[in-house]
Each structure stands twice: as structure tokens, then as C-alpha cells.
Amino acid sequence: MIEDLTTRTRVASVPRESIRCIRRLSVLVCIVVVSAIGSTGCAKMPADEVVAQARELAARRDAASLGEAILTLKPLIGRKQTPASVTNLYIALHVTAQREDEVLDLAEKHAQASPSDYMAFYLLGKIYAAHRRDEDALAAFKTARTLNADSLPVLLATAKYAGRENDPEAGEYFRQLEAYDASLVDRVQLYNEWGLWLAQQENGGLKAIQYFAKGWDVEKNMVLALNTAIVYERYYPKTARRWYLTYKQMLPADDYIDRHKMVQHKLRLLPE
């Protein structure tokens, strides 16, 4: 019922917001040297050289280089002698390039074949998330967390989707994230997600507002203003009206026409 800071909209009448992303890319794959593979193209090189070349290409971060890195690694994928870390890298490149559709089947088979590899399940969760399969994403992230409870990216993903799925453990995940340094965990995103989860709990609305306020203290963010207004409607309509006005003032004047119309509608309904 409330709006997310990333891509999910919880109010049917409010379009999607994209403010900032909690995701931080970390290089978590350890490349293992494998034997040379004789074939054509890049496969004529020793496998470790192929992997090194792919990583060098991926470091450039542009779409063309990511595509070339994927093609470079492709001859190694599916071979028995290829280590799981190389398959993880291949899948991760697709995730970074937003080409998750191409590796969904591979990611599922890879996780099934690597039951002790947390990275395989983390990447599978990312792919499910890209397909809006939030329940499946949460299950994969929880498995990854069982295998590696020390991974911050895994905890971030688990907390986010636990909140979206109204999982009872979400609150504990958020508390664990709050203990991390602010340079590692985006406080605005954290408190917004925490508030969204609390707003779904019985009698949790006022507590949700407290966490939106924590985020507001870090950054005056229009999504936090909107979510605060929506929750206040349940309790204090006049206060809700003030937050809708704040949200309206933060909207670009020549953009977000539907959002301006939504706010105007709310302001007509709420008491002054």
C-alpha cells in the first residue's frame, strides 16, 4: 500500500519511484585456475586466462564490454571441469548487464548442483527478483544467508525481500543492518524499507512513521514524505495533509503529472 524507494509501488494510484538503490556491487567470486580447454576461439587459451580477460572486460562497466565478457566466458560454461566460481561469474555478468532472462534456467540448475555455494543462491535470488518473483527471491536469499551469514549483500537482499513479503523475521534483519556503518548501508533506504514492513503489521503504523522520520533526518526524500503522508491518513488527516503538501513541493514542476493530480485529489479530501 506504500511506495518503495526502488521500483515497487505499494499504492495503486501512485507511479513507481526510483530514488536510489540499496544494492552495492561487490566482487565476491574467487576464480580458480582450471585446465586448458581445447576448442575454438577463446577456449584455445588456458581457462584462467579466459576468466582474467572476461573480468578485465567487465571492469569497464559499459554494456558492450559486459556483452563481450559474457561471450568470452560462454565456451567454459556447462563443462564438467569448469568450477562453480566461473559459472557464478558468468551469471553475475548477466545480472549486471540486466540480461537475467538469458540465465534463469542456468541459475536454477547451478544452484541445485551447488547446494553449499551461497553465491549460487544469492545470484538466483537476484534473477528471481528481476522477474518480480519476490517469494522465490526471498527463499533463495534465505538459503544464501544460511550458507553465509556474514555476507552484507546477502543480508541486504534478504531484509529487503523479507519486508516486501511481510516475513516475520524482517524486523530482525533490519536491526542487524542498522548495526552496520552508514557508509555500508544506505540509511534512507533501510529506514524506508523498515517503515514499509512495520506499516503492514497490526498497529504498526505509528512506529512506521518513526522509521520514516529517521530516514527523513538523514535526507529530505520525497518518497519518505509520501509514505509518511499515506500512513498518517490512518490517524491524523490534518498531519497527512501537511506531508502531502511537502511531497507536492518536492515534485518537479513540469514532470510527474499523474503524481501532481494524485496529490491535488488528496488535498481536496483531507481537512485543513
Foldseek 3Di string as FASTA:
>chain_A
DAAACPFDHPDPLAHHHHHDDQDDDDDDFDADFFAQADDDDLSNDRLVVLLVCLVVLVVVLDLVSLVVSLVSLVVVPPDPRHDLSSVLVNLVSCLSNVNLVVCQVVLVVSCVVCVLDLSSLQSNLSSCVSVVVLVSSLVSLVSSCVNPVPDPSSLVSNLQSCLVVLPPCNVVSLVVLVPDDCVNGPLLNSLQSVLSSQLPDVVSLVVSLVSLVVSCVVPVDLSSLQRNLVSCVVPPLVVSLVSLVVSLVPDDPPDPVSSNVVSVVSNVVGDD
